[in-house]
């Protein structure tokens, strides 16, 4: 099988996957520091489940076992980062199994899957066990207490106390394990950008579109939305830099990446503003994943397109 990744860079698949994983380490460390040891267990179980599932399925299918390439490890890690720290410990196991077995392996394996496996796993868990997926904790120490996320509080109209932008940036809020500390995510994203494993076009288009849309269609009328609050809240930064830029499920051409980013931003903002669901990143990216074949069909990349993850 010729992997779609080979169209972009001469770097080995394993090297890129493990370096992307390394770029996510700061966010993981921050999540464990903020939420405590339970977050570490969620990460470990999600990663182990993803790697074991891929290895077993490849063995049963008579294929070469390629768990050393890091793709399953990365899928499990991203799924864990999209889970609340207080979920039952069987949940990341089930989610990773679905992500690998259904969202990835059933489509033919790496390079052939249509949807981002980690986000598909999260959507699966959200559909079947929604009450576990909204159990959030918020604290800057190990004595975390249950609380709603800033977006949930905003949606319910009870954001009474002012959450500062600095608190949002540092992760002093409720949320999923890997999404809360924007500082840690920015460090990892800067590494990927400097190494040219991702292009800035897609994440910038995504974040800018989300911010502009929520600003224009604010709750108090036109041009009243708190765009910076929306950018720093939820999983927007994690999604824009680490999941929307997935090689297999994002467009190849730069123009296609911009269109993809704009589409993700529009769907994210629409879901946040007008649906009952406070967050929209996961579903926005999955919906745009489905549009990638059409985008690639009409916007074919030039041979000189910069390398991207």
C-alpha atoms as a PDB file:
ATOM      1  CA  UNK A   1       0.000   0.000   0.000  1.00  0.00           C
ATOM      2  CA  UNK A   2       1.308   3.373  -0.971  1.00  0.00           C
ATOM      3  CA  UNK A   3       0.727   5.673   1.962  1.00  0.00           C
ATOM      4  CA  UNK A   4      -0.646   9.126   1.237  1.00  0.00           C
ATOM      5  CA  UNK A   5       2.047  10.466   3.530  1.00  0.00           C
ATOM      6  CA  UNK A   6       4.715   9.659   0.942  1.00  0.00           C
ATOM      7  CA  UNK A   7       3.347  12.397  -1.289  1.00  0.00           C
ATOM      8  CA  UNK A   8       4.449  15.087   1.140  1.00  0.00           C
ATOM      9  CA  UNK A   9       7.816  14.335   2.594  1.00  0.00           C
ATOM     10  CA  UNK A  10      10.844  12.076   2.363  1.00  0.00           C
ATOM     11  CA  UNK A  11      10.881  11.714   6.138  1.00  0.00           C
ATOM     12  CA  UNK A  12       9.995   8.253   7.407  1.00  0.00           C
ATOM     13  CA  UNK A  13       6.498   7.651   8.682  1.00  0.00           C
ATOM     14  CA  UNK A  14       7.751   6.452  12.050  1.00  0.00           C
ATOM     15  CA  UNK A  15       9.971   9.492  12.576  1.00  0.00           C
ATOM     16  CA  UNK A  16       7.145  11.914  11.875  1.00  0.00           C
ATOM     17  CA  UNK A  17       4.635  10.063  14.048  1.00  0.00           C
ATOM     18  CA  UNK A  18       6.977   9.913  17.018  1.00  0.00           C
ATOM     19  CA  UNK A  19       8.000  13.559  16.656  1.00  0.00           C
ATOM     20  CA  UNK A  20       4.345  14.599  16.531  1.00  0.00           C
ATOM     21  CA  UNK A  21       3.823  12.507  19.644  1.00  0.00           C
ATOM     22  CA  UNK A  22       6.772  14.300  21.262  1.00  0.00           C
ATOM     23  CA  UNK A  23       5.208  17.652  20.426  1.00  0.00           C
ATOM     24  CA  UNK A  24       2.140  16.613  22.429  1.00  0.00           C
ATOM     25  CA  UNK A  25       4.119  15.717  25.555  1.00  0.00           C
ATOM     26  CA  UNK A  26       3.956  19.245  27.077  1.00  0.00           C
ATOM     27  CA  UNK A  27       0.146  19.183  26.877  1.00  0.00           C
ATOM     28  CA  UNK A  28       0.078  15.766  28.519  1.00  0.00           C
ATOM     29  CA  UNK A  29       2.367  16.844  31.337  1.00  0.00           C
ATOM     30  CA  UNK A  30       0.214  19.924  31.889  1.00  0.00           C
ATOM     31  CA  UNK A  31      -2.945  17.815  31.932  1.00  0.00           C
ATOM     32  CA  UNK A  32      -1.508  15.441  34.526  1.00  0.00           C
ATOM     33  CA  UNK A  33      -0.318  18.361  36.661  1.00  0.00           C
ATOM     34  CA  UNK A  34      -3.707  20.059  36.471  1.00  0.00           C
ATOM     35  CA  UNK A  35      -5.972  17.035  36.909  1.00  0.00           C
ATOM     36  CA  UNK A  36      -3.800  14.548  38.775  1.00  0.00           C
ATOM     37  CA  UNK A  37      -2.890  10.882  38.428  1.00  0.00           C
ATOM     38  CA  UNK A  38      -6.275   9.893  37.006  1.00  0.00           C
ATOM     39  CA  UNK A  39      -5.390  11.748  33.826  1.00  0.00           C
ATOM     40  CA  UNK A  40      -2.224   9.665  33.497  1.00  0.00           C
ATOM     41  CA  UNK A  41      -4.211   6.429  33.761  1.00  0.00           C
ATOM     42  CA  UNK A  42      -6.604   7.580  31.055  1.00  0.00           C
ATOM     43  CA  UNK A  43      -3.659   8.344  28.760  1.00  0.00           C
ATOM     44  CA  UNK A  44      -1.925   5.027  29.458  1.00  0.00           C
ATOM     45  CA  UNK A  45      -5.044   2.925  28.908  1.00  0.00           C
ATOM     46  CA  UNK A  46      -6.044   4.749  25.718  1.00  0.00           C
ATOM     47  CA  UNK A  47      -2.573   4.343  24.219  1.00  0.00           C
ATOM     48  CA  UNK A  48      -2.205   0.696  25.248  1.00  0.00           C
ATOM     49  CA  UNK A  49      -5.633  -0.177  23.891  1.00  0.00           C
ATOM     50  CA  UNK A  50      -4.895   1.482  20.542  1.00  0.00           C
ATOM     51  CA  UNK A  51      -1.510  -0.212  20.127  1.00  0.00           C
ATOM     52  CA  UNK A  52      -2.746  -3.665  21.194  1.00  0.00           C
ATOM     53  CA  UNK A  53      -5.841  -3.426  19.002  1.00  0.00           C
ATOM     54  CA  UNK A  54      -3.802  -2.523  15.934  1.00  0.00           C
ATOM     55  CA  UNK A  55      -1.222  -5.241  16.580  1.00  0.00           C
ATOM     56  CA  UNK A  56      -3.838  -7.954  17.114  1.00  0.00           C
ATOM     57  CA  UNK A  57      -5.900  -6.966  14.071  1.00  0.00           C
ATOM     58  CA  UNK A  58      -2.839  -6.852  11.817  1.00  0.00           C
ATOM     59  CA  UNK A  59      -1.771 -10.263  13.096  1.00  0.00           C
ATOM     60  CA  UNK A  60      -5.216 -11.787  12.559  1.00  0.00           C
ATOM     61  CA  UNK A  61      -5.371 -10.337   9.048  1.00  0.00           C
ATOM     62  CA  UNK A  62      -1.981 -11.774   8.188  1.00  0.00           C
ATOM     63  CA  UNK A  63      -0.491  -8.329   7.677  1.00  0.00           C
ATOM     64  CA  UNK A  64       2.844  -7.025   8.844  1.00  0.00           C
ATOM     65  CA  UNK A  65       2.592  -5.710  12.401  1.00  0.00           C
ATOM     66  CA  UNK A  66       3.537  -2.019  12.213  1.00  0.00           C
ATOM     67  CA  UNK A  67       2.812  -0.762  15.714  1.00  0.00           C
ATOM     68  CA  UNK A  68       6.370   0.543  15.921  1.00  0.00           C
ATOM     69  CA  UNK A  69       5.538   3.278  13.388  1.00  0.00           C
ATOM     70  CA  UNK A  70       3.794   5.208  16.156  1.00  0.00           C
ATOM     71  CA  UNK A  71       0.495   5.846  14.366  1.00  0.00           C
ATOM     72  CA  UNK A  72      -1.604   3.758  16.766  1.00  0.00           C
ATOM     73  CA  UNK A  73       0.227   5.266  19.736  1.00  0.00           C
ATOM     74  CA  UNK A  74      -0.582   8.758  18.439  1.00  0.00           C
ATOM     75  CA  UNK A  75      -4.238   7.857  17.882  1.00  0.00           C
ATOM     76  CA  UNK A  76      -4.573   6.613  21.442  1.00  0.00           C
ATOM     77  CA  UNK A  77      -2.820   9.684  22.805  1.00  0.00           C
ATOM     78  CA  UNK A  78      -5.071  12.092  20.904  1.00  0.00           C
ATOM     79  CA  UNK A  79      -8.165  10.221  22.008  1.00  0.00           C
ATOM     80  CA  UNK A  80      -7.033  10.453  25.640  1.00  0.00           C
ATOM     81  CA  UNK A  81      -6.416  14.178  25.224  1.00  0.00           C
ATOM     82  CA  UNK A  82     -10.053  14.513  24.096  1.00  0.00           C
ATOM     83  CA  UNK A  83     -11.454  12.819  27.195  1.00  0.00           C
ATOM     84  CA  UNK A  84     -12.338  14.289  30.588  1.00  0.00           C
ATOM     85  CA  UNK A  85      -9.945  13.096  33.313  1.00  0.00           C
ATOM     86  CA  UNK A  86     -12.724  11.657  35.485  1.00  0.00           C
ATOM     87  CA  UNK A  87     -14.124   9.128  32.985  1.00  0.00           C
ATOM     88  CA  UNK A  88     -14.419   5.446  33.976  1.00  0.00           C
ATOM     89  CA  UNK A  89     -11.178   3.709  33.050  1.00  0.00           C
ATOM     90  CA  UNK A  90     -12.890   1.317  30.657  1.00  0.00           C
ATOM     91  CA  UNK A  91     -14.017   4.241  28.491  1.00  0.00           C
ATOM     92  CA  UNK A  92     -10.601   5.068  26.915  1.00  0.00           C
ATOM     93  CA  UNK A  93     -10.123   1.350  26.215  1.00  0.00           C
ATOM     94  CA  UNK A  94     -13.420   1.108  24.338  1.00  0.00           C
ATOM     95  CA  UNK A  95     -12.819   4.399  22.549  1.00  0.00           C
ATOM     96  CA  UNK A  96      -9.369   3.403  21.331  1.00  0.00           C
ATOM     97  CA  UNK A  97     -10.661   0.025  20.161  1.00  0.00           C
ATOM     98  CA  UNK A  98     -13.325   1.757  18.061  1.00  0.00           C
ATOM     99  CA  UNK A  99     -10.841   4.313  16.735  1.00  0.00           C
ATOM    100  CA  UNK A 100      -8.441   1.633  15.499  1.00  0.00           C
ATOM    101  CA  UNK A 101     -10.760  -1.243  14.592  1.00  0.00           C
ATOM    102  CA  UNK A 102     -13.610   0.697  12.965  1.00  0.00           C
ATOM    103  CA  UNK A 103     -12.400   4.175  12.019  1.00  0.00           C
ATOM    104  CA  UNK A 104      -8.991   3.006  10.783  1.00  0.00           C
ATOM    105  CA  UNK A 105      -8.616  -0.747  10.185  1.00  0.00           C
ATOM    106  CA  UNK A 106     -12.062  -1.303   8.654  1.00  0.00           C
ATOM    107  CA  UNK A 107     -11.233   1.289   5.981  1.00  0.00           C
ATOM    108  CA  UNK A 108      -8.001  -0.463   5.040  1.00  0.00           C
ATOM    109  CA  UNK A 109      -5.543   0.874   7.593  1.00  0.00           C
ATOM    110  CA  UNK A 110      -3.294   3.920   7.715  1.00  0.00           C
ATOM    111  CA  UNK A 111      -3.576   6.039   4.608  1.00  0.00           C
ATOM    112  CA  UNK A 112      -7.051   4.821   3.650  1.00  0.00           C
ATOM    113  CA  UNK A 113      -9.215   5.970   6.537  1.00  0.00           C
ATOM    114  CA  UNK A 114     -11.653   8.760   5.742  1.00  0.00           C
ATOM    115  CA  UNK A 115     -12.145  10.155   9.235  1.00  0.00           C
ATOM    116  CA  UNK A 116      -9.662  11.074  11.917  1.00  0.00           C
ATOM    117  CA  UNK A 117      -9.635   7.903  14.077  1.00  0.00           C
ATOM    118  CA  UNK A 118      -9.181   9.642  17.421  1.00  0.00           C
ATOM    119  CA  UNK A 119     -12.077  12.023  16.780  1.00  0.00           C
ATOM    120  CA  UNK A 120     -14.235   9.179  15.472  1.00  0.00           C
ATOM    121  CA  UNK A 121     -13.522   7.355  18.722  1.00  0.00           C
ATOM    122  CA  UNK A 122     -14.514  10.402  20.727  1.00  0.00           C
ATOM    123  CA  UNK A 123     -17.730  10.842  18.723  1.00  0.00           C
ATOM    124  CA  UNK A 124     -18.562   7.171  19.329  1.00  0.00           C
ATOM    125  CA  UNK A 125     -18.125   7.552  23.072  1.00  0.00           C
ATOM    126  CA  UNK A 126     -20.131  10.766  23.070  1.00  0.00           C
ATOM    127  CA  UNK A 127     -22.999   9.040  21.257  1.00  0.00           C
ATOM    128  CA  UNK A 128     -23.219   6.021  23.577  1.00  0.00           C
ATOM    129  CA  UNK A 129     -22.021   7.332  26.944  1.00  0.00           C
ATOM    130  CA  UNK A 130     -22.627  11.107  26.892  1.00  0.00           C
ATOM    131  CA  UNK A 131     -22.980  11.445  30.661  1.00  0.00           C
ATOM    132  CA  UNK A 132     -19.430  10.186  31.178  1.00  0.00           C
ATOM    133  CA  UNK A 133     -18.097  12.553  28.532  1.00  0.00           C
ATOM    134  CA  UNK A 134     -19.233  15.652  30.381  1.00  0.00           C
ATOM    135  CA  UNK A 135     -17.751  14.821  33.797  1.00  0.00           C
ATOM    136  CA  UNK A 136     -15.101  17.520  34.006  1.00  0.00           C
ATOM    137  CA  UNK A 137     -12.752  18.582  36.760  1.00  0.00           C
ATOM    138  CA  UNK A 138     -11.059  21.905  37.217  1.00  0.00           C
ATOM    139  CA  UNK A 139      -8.170  22.652  39.524  1.00  0.00           C
ATOM    140  CA  UNK A 140      -4.541  23.641  39.442  1.00  0.00           C
ATOM    141  CA  UNK A 141      -3.611  20.882  41.843  1.00  0.00           C
ATOM    142  CA  UNK A 142      -4.375  17.253  42.530  1.00  0.00           C
ATOM    143  CA  UNK A 143      -7.499  17.977  44.594  1.00  0.00           C
ATOM    144  CA  UNK A 144      -9.651  18.529  41.533  1.00  0.00           C
ATOM    145  CA  UNK A 145     -13.361  19.146  41.910  1.00  0.00           C
ATOM    146  CA  UNK A 146     -16.173  18.565  39.442  1.00  0.00           C
ATOM    147  CA  UNK A 147     -17.082  21.623  37.381  1.00  0.00           C
ATOM    148  CA  UNK A 148     -18.478  22.602  34.011  1.00  0.00           C
ATOM    149  CA  UNK A 149     -16.284  23.834  31.194  1.00  0.00           C
ATOM    150  CA  UNK A 150     -16.288  27.549  30.349  1.00  0.00           C
ATOM    151  CA  UNK A 151     -18.166  26.842  27.106  1.00  0.00           C
ATOM    152  CA  UNK A 152     -20.825  24.863  28.972  1.00  0.00           C
ATOM    153  CA  UNK A 153     -21.253  27.656  31.489  1.00  0.00           C
ATOM    154  CA  UNK A 154     -21.499  30.182  28.665  1.00  0.00           C
ATOM    155  CA  UNK A 155     -24.068  28.038  26.839  1.00  0.00           C
ATOM    156  CA  UNK A 156     -26.172  27.723  30.000  1.00  0.00           C
ATOM    157  CA  UNK A 157     -25.949  31.448  30.685  1.00  0.00           C
ATOM    158  CA  UNK A 158     -24.304  31.028  34.069  1.00  0.00           C
ATOM    159  CA  UNK A 159     -20.821  32.328  33.416  1.00  0.00           C
ATOM    160  CA  UNK A 160     -21.189  34.615  36.417  1.00  0.00           C
ATOM    161  CA  UNK A 161     -17.639  34.722  37.631  1.00  0.00           C
ATOM    162  CA  UNK A 162     -15.190  36.174  35.152  1.00  0.00           C
ATOM    163  CA  UNK A 163     -12.691  33.633  33.893  1.00  0.00           C
ATOM    164  CA  UNK A 164      -9.592  35.511  32.860  1.00  0.00           C
ATOM    165  CA  UNK A 165      -7.871  34.941  29.551  1.00  0.00           C
ATOM    166  CA  UNK A 166      -4.727  34.080  31.506  1.00  0.00           C
ATOM    167  CA  UNK A 167      -6.570  31.294  33.351  1.00  0.00           C
ATOM    168  CA  UNK A 168      -7.786  29.930  30.035  1.00  0.00           C
ATOM    169  CA  UNK A 169      -4.285  30.128  28.569  1.00  0.00           C
ATOM    170  CA  UNK A 170      -2.710  28.290  31.502  1.00  0.00           C
ATOM    171  CA  UNK A 171      -5.444  25.672  31.838  1.00  0.00           C
ATOM    172  CA  UNK A 172      -7.060  26.757  35.093  1.00  0.00           C
ATOM    173  CA  UNK A 173     -10.497  25.570  33.968  1.00  0.00           C
ATOM    174  CA  UNK A 174     -12.571  22.491  33.357  1.00  0.00           C
ATOM    175  CA  UNK A 175     -12.016  20.546  30.181  1.00  0.00           C
ATOM    176  CA  UNK A 176     -10.477  17.511  28.556  1.00  0.00           C
ATOM    177  CA  UNK A 177      -7.017  16.289  29.508  1.00  0.00           C
ATOM    178  CA  UNK A 178      -5.009  17.602  26.591  1.00  0.00           C
ATOM    179  CA  UNK A 179      -6.956  20.676  25.587  1.00  0.00           C
ATOM    180  CA  UNK A 180      -6.903  22.916  28.651  1.00  0.00           C
ATOM    181  CA  UNK A 181      -3.339  24.262  28.714  1.00  0.00           C
ATOM    182  CA  UNK A 182      -3.027  26.458  25.634  1.00  0.00           C
ATOM    183  CA  UNK A 183       0.552  27.359  26.519  1.00  0.00           C
ATOM    184  CA  UNK A 184       1.641  23.719  26.299  1.00  0.00           C
ATOM    185  CA  UNK A 185      -0.214  23.228  23.012  1.00  0.00           C
ATOM    186  CA  UNK A 186       1.363  26.343  21.491  1.00  0.00           C
ATOM    187  CA  UNK A 187       4.822  25.039  22.402  1.00  0.00           C
ATOM    188  CA  UNK A 188       4.093  21.762  20.625  1.00  0.00           C
ATOM    189  CA  UNK A 189       2.535  23.489  17.629  1.00  0.00           C
ATOM    190  CA  UNK A 190       5.530  25.812  17.273  1.00  0.00           C
ATOM    191  CA  UNK A 191       7.796  22.770  17.141  1.00  0.00           C
ATOM    192  CA  UNK A 192       5.753  21.196  14.332  1.00  0.00           C
ATOM    193  CA  UNK A 193       5.661  24.452  12.385  1.00  0.00           C
ATOM    194  CA  UNK A 194       9.403  24.997  12.718  1.00  0.00           C
ATOM    195  CA  UNK A 195      10.068  21.419  11.577  1.00  0.00           C
ATOM    196  CA  UNK A 196       7.582  21.973   8.728  1.00  0.00           C
ATOM    197  CA  UNK A 197       5.588  18.893   9.636  1.00  0.00           C
ATOM    198  CA  UNK A 198       2.465  21.029   9.407  1.00  0.00           C
ATOM    199  CA  UNK A 199       1.623  24.136   7.420  1.00  0.00           C
ATOM    200  CA  UNK A 200       0.230  27.236   9.104  1.00  0.00           C
ATOM    201  CA  UNK A 201      -2.482  27.722   6.491  1.00  0.00           C
ATOM    202  CA  UNK A 202      -5.031  25.253   7.832  1.00  0.00           C
ATOM    203  CA  UNK A 203      -4.855  25.976  11.583  1.00  0.00           C
ATOM    204  CA  UNK A 204      -4.751  29.749  11.068  1.00  0.00           C
ATOM    205  CA  UNK A 205      -7.749  29.622   8.714  1.00  0.00           C
ATOM    206  CA  UNK A 206      -9.579  27.430  11.229  1.00  0.00           C
ATOM    207  CA  UNK A 207      -8.895  29.579  14.290  1.00  0.00           C
ATOM    208  CA  UNK A 208      -9.430  32.905  12.488  1.00  0.00           C
ATOM    209  CA  UNK A 209     -12.750  31.786  10.999  1.00  0.00           C
ATOM    210  CA  UNK A 210     -14.033  30.575  14.356  1.00  0.00           C
ATOM    211  CA  UNK A 211     -13.006  33.798  16.081  1.00  0.00           C
ATOM    212  CA  UNK A 212     -14.450  36.047  13.369  1.00  0.00           C
ATOM    213  CA  UNK A 213     -17.764  34.200  13.186  1.00  0.00           C
ATOM    214  CA  UNK A 214     -18.423  34.171  16.940  1.00  0.00           C
ATOM    215  CA  UNK A 215     -17.428  37.858  17.103  1.00  0.00           C
ATOM    216  CA  UNK A 216     -19.816  38.889  14.332  1.00  0.00           C
ATOM    217  CA  UNK A 217     -22.755  36.813  15.592  1.00  0.00           C
ATOM    218  CA  UNK A 218     -22.342  37.468  19.295  1.00  0.00           C
ATOM    219  CA  UNK A 219     -25.038  36.801  21.902  1.00  0.00           C
ATOM    220  CA  UNK A 220     -25.758  40.511  22.373  1.00  0.00           C
ATOM    221  CA  UNK A 221     -26.097  41.302  18.676  1.00  0.00           C
ATOM    222  CA  UNK A 222     -23.767  41.785  15.750  1.00  0.00           C
ATOM    223  CA  UNK A 223     -20.072  42.268  16.556  1.00  0.00           C
ATOM    224  CA  UNK A 224     -20.544  41.498  20.237  1.00  0.00           C
ATOM    225  CA  UNK A 225     -18.978  38.054  20.586  1.00  0.00           C
ATOM    226  CA  UNK A 226     -15.947  37.366  22.780  1.00  0.00           C
ATOM    227  CA  UNK A 227     -13.740  35.888  20.058  1.00  0.00           C
ATOM    228  CA  UNK A 228     -10.671  35.462  22.272  1.00  0.00           C
ATOM    229  CA  UNK A 229     -12.701  33.561  24.873  1.00  0.00           C
ATOM    230  CA  UNK A 230     -13.840  31.106  22.190  1.00  0.00           C
ATOM    231  CA  UNK A 231     -10.335  30.653  20.808  1.00  0.00           C
ATOM    232  CA  UNK A 232      -8.868  29.887  24.225  1.00  0.00           C
ATOM    233  CA  UNK A 233     -11.773  27.692  25.367  1.00  0.00           C
ATOM    234  CA  UNK A 234     -12.589  24.120  24.465  1.00  0.00           C
ATOM    235  CA  UNK A 235     -10.503  22.059  22.098  1.00  0.00           C
ATOM    236  CA  UNK A 236      -9.992  24.586  19.307  1.00  0.00           C
ATOM    237  CA  UNK A 237      -6.198  24.873  19.594  1.00  0.00           C
ATOM    238  CA  UNK A 238      -5.725  21.117  20.031  1.00  0.00           C
ATOM    239  CA  UNK A 239      -8.006  20.417  17.090  1.00  0.00           C
ATOM    240  CA  UNK A 240      -6.622  23.067  14.768  1.00  0.00           C
ATOM    241  CA  UNK A 241      -2.944  22.168  15.114  1.00  0.00           C
ATOM    242  CA  UNK A 242      -2.926  18.473  15.949  1.00  0.00           C
ATOM    243  CA  UNK A 243      -6.051  16.851  14.445  1.00  0.00           C
ATOM    244  CA  UNK A 244      -7.308  18.958  11.561  1.00  0.00           C
ATOM    245  CA  UNK A 245      -3.779  18.794  10.089  1.00  0.00           C
ATOM    246  CA  UNK A 246      -3.759  14.980   9.993  1.00  0.00           C
ATOM    247  CA  UNK A 247      -2.045  13.897   6.749  1.00  0.00           C
ATOM    248  CA  UNK A 248      -4.571  11.297   5.709  1.00  0.00           C
ATOM    249  CA  UNK A 249      -7.814  13.118   6.465  1.00  0.00           C
ATOM    250  CA  UNK A 250      -6.970  16.680   5.382  1.00  0.00           C
ATOM    251  CA  UNK A 251      -6.540  18.164   1.874  1.00  0.00           C
ATOM    252  CA  UNK A 252      -3.233  17.991   0.056  1.00  0.00           C
ATOM    253  CA  UNK A 253      -3.163  21.396  -1.644  1.00  0.00           C
ATOM    254  CA  UNK A 254      -2.578  24.616   0.300  1.00  0.00           C
ATOM    255  CA  UNK A 255      -5.782  26.158  -1.078  1.00  0.00           C
ATOM    256  CA  UNK A 256      -7.601  23.019  -0.054  1.00  0.00           C
ATOM    257  CA  UNK A 257      -6.195  23.300   3.444  1.00  0.00           C
ATOM    258  CA  UNK A 258      -7.466  26.876   3.706  1.00  0.00           C
ATOM    259  CA  UNK A 259     -10.933  25.826   2.547  1.00  0.00           C
ATOM    260  CA  UNK A 260     -10.851  22.924   4.986  1.00  0.00           C
ATOM    261  CA  UNK A 261      -9.860  25.260   7.819  1.00  0.00           C
ATOM    262  CA  UNK A 262     -12.584  27.759   6.973  1.00  0.00           C
ATOM    263  CA  UNK A 263     -15.160  24.976   6.878  1.00  0.00           C
ATOM    264  CA  UNK A 264     -14.022  23.646  10.242  1.00  0.00           C
ATOM    265  CA  UNK A 265     -14.199  27.147  11.699  1.00  0.00           C
ATOM    266  CA  UNK A 266     -17.712  27.750  10.402  1.00  0.00           C
ATOM    267  CA  UNK A 267     -19.043  24.432  11.704  1.00  0.00           C
ATOM    268  CA  UNK A 268     -17.338  24.919  15.071  1.00  0.00           C
ATOM    269  CA  UNK A 269     -18.812  28.388  15.516  1.00  0.00           C
ATOM    270  CA  UNK A 270     -22.296  27.369  14.358  1.00  0.00           C
ATOM    271  CA  UNK A 271     -22.383  24.421  16.756  1.00  0.00           C
ATOM    272  CA  UNK A 272     -21.115  26.521  19.643  1.00  0.00           C
ATOM    273  CA  UNK A 273     -23.519  29.395  19.023  1.00  0.00           C
ATOM    274  CA  UNK A 274     -26.771  27.746  17.972  1.00  0.00           C
ATOM    275  CA  UNK A 275     -26.798  24.079  18.965  1.00  0.00           C
ATOM    276  CA  UNK A 276     -27.461  22.549  22.360  1.00  0.00           C
ATOM    277  CA  UNK A 277     -23.918  21.207  22.345  1.00  0.00           C
ATOM    278  CA  UNK A 278     -21.354  23.667  23.804  1.00  0.00           C
ATOM    279  CA  UNK A 279     -18.352  22.410  21.819  1.00  0.00           C
ATOM    280  CA  UNK A 280     -18.044  21.852  18.088  1.00  0.00           C
ATOM    281  CA  UNK A 281     -14.422  21.031  17.247  1.00  0.00           C
ATOM    282  CA  UNK A 282     -14.671  17.247  16.960  1.00  0.00           C
ATOM    283  CA  UNK A 283     -17.811  17.223  14.844  1.00  0.00           C
ATOM    284  CA  UNK A 284     -16.589  20.101  12.679  1.00  0.00           C
ATOM    285  CA  UNK A 285     -13.388  18.279  11.759  1.00  0.00           C
ATOM    286  CA  UNK A 286     -15.207  14.996  11.117  1.00  0.00           C
ATOM    287  CA  UNK A 287     -17.724  16.716   8.831  1.00  0.00           C
ATOM    288  CA  UNK A 288     -14.941  18.371   6.871  1.00  0.00           C
ATOM    289  CA  UNK A 289     -13.058  15.042   6.696  1.00  0.00           C
ATOM    290  CA  UNK A 290     -15.955  13.801   4.591  1.00  0.00           C
ATOM    291  CA  UNK A 291     -15.438  16.700   2.161  1.00  0.00           C
ATOM    292  CA  UNK A 292     -11.706  16.069   1.636  1.00  0.00           C
ATOM    293  CA  UNK A 293     -12.073  13.780  -1.450  1.00  0.00           C
ATOM    294  CA  UNK A 294     -14.132  16.481  -3.161  1.00  0.00           C
ATOM    295  CA  UNK A 295     -11.668  19.218  -2.198  1.00  0.00           C
ATOM    296  CA  UNK A 296      -8.709  17.157  -3.408  1.00  0.00           C
ATOM    297  CA  UNK A 297     -10.500  16.393  -6.662  1.00  0.00           C
ATOM    298  CA  UNK A 298     -10.781  20.056  -7.646  1.00  0.00           C
ATOM    299  CA  UNK A 299      -7.704  21.445  -5.914  1.00  0.00           C
ATOM    300  CA  UNK A 300      -4.815  19.190  -6.798  1.00  0.00           C
ATOM    301  CA  UNK A 301      -1.518  20.038  -5.060  1.00  0.00           C
ATOM    302  CA  UNK A 302       1.509  21.263  -6.922  1.00  0.00           C
ATOM    303  CA  UNK A 303       4.715  19.199  -6.606  1.00  0.00           C
ATOM    304  CA  UNK A 304       6.399  22.053  -4.729  1.00  0.00           C
ATOM    305  CA  UNK A 305       3.793  22.229  -1.944  1.00  0.00           C
ATOM    306  CA  UNK A 306       5.515  22.507   1.470  1.00  0.00           C
ATOM    307  CA  UNK A 307       5.655  19.457   3.694  1.00  0.00           C
ATOM    308  CA  UNK A 308       2.849  19.164   6.197  1.00  0.00           C
ATOM    309  CA  UNK A 309       1.844  16.647   8.800  1.00  0.00           C
END
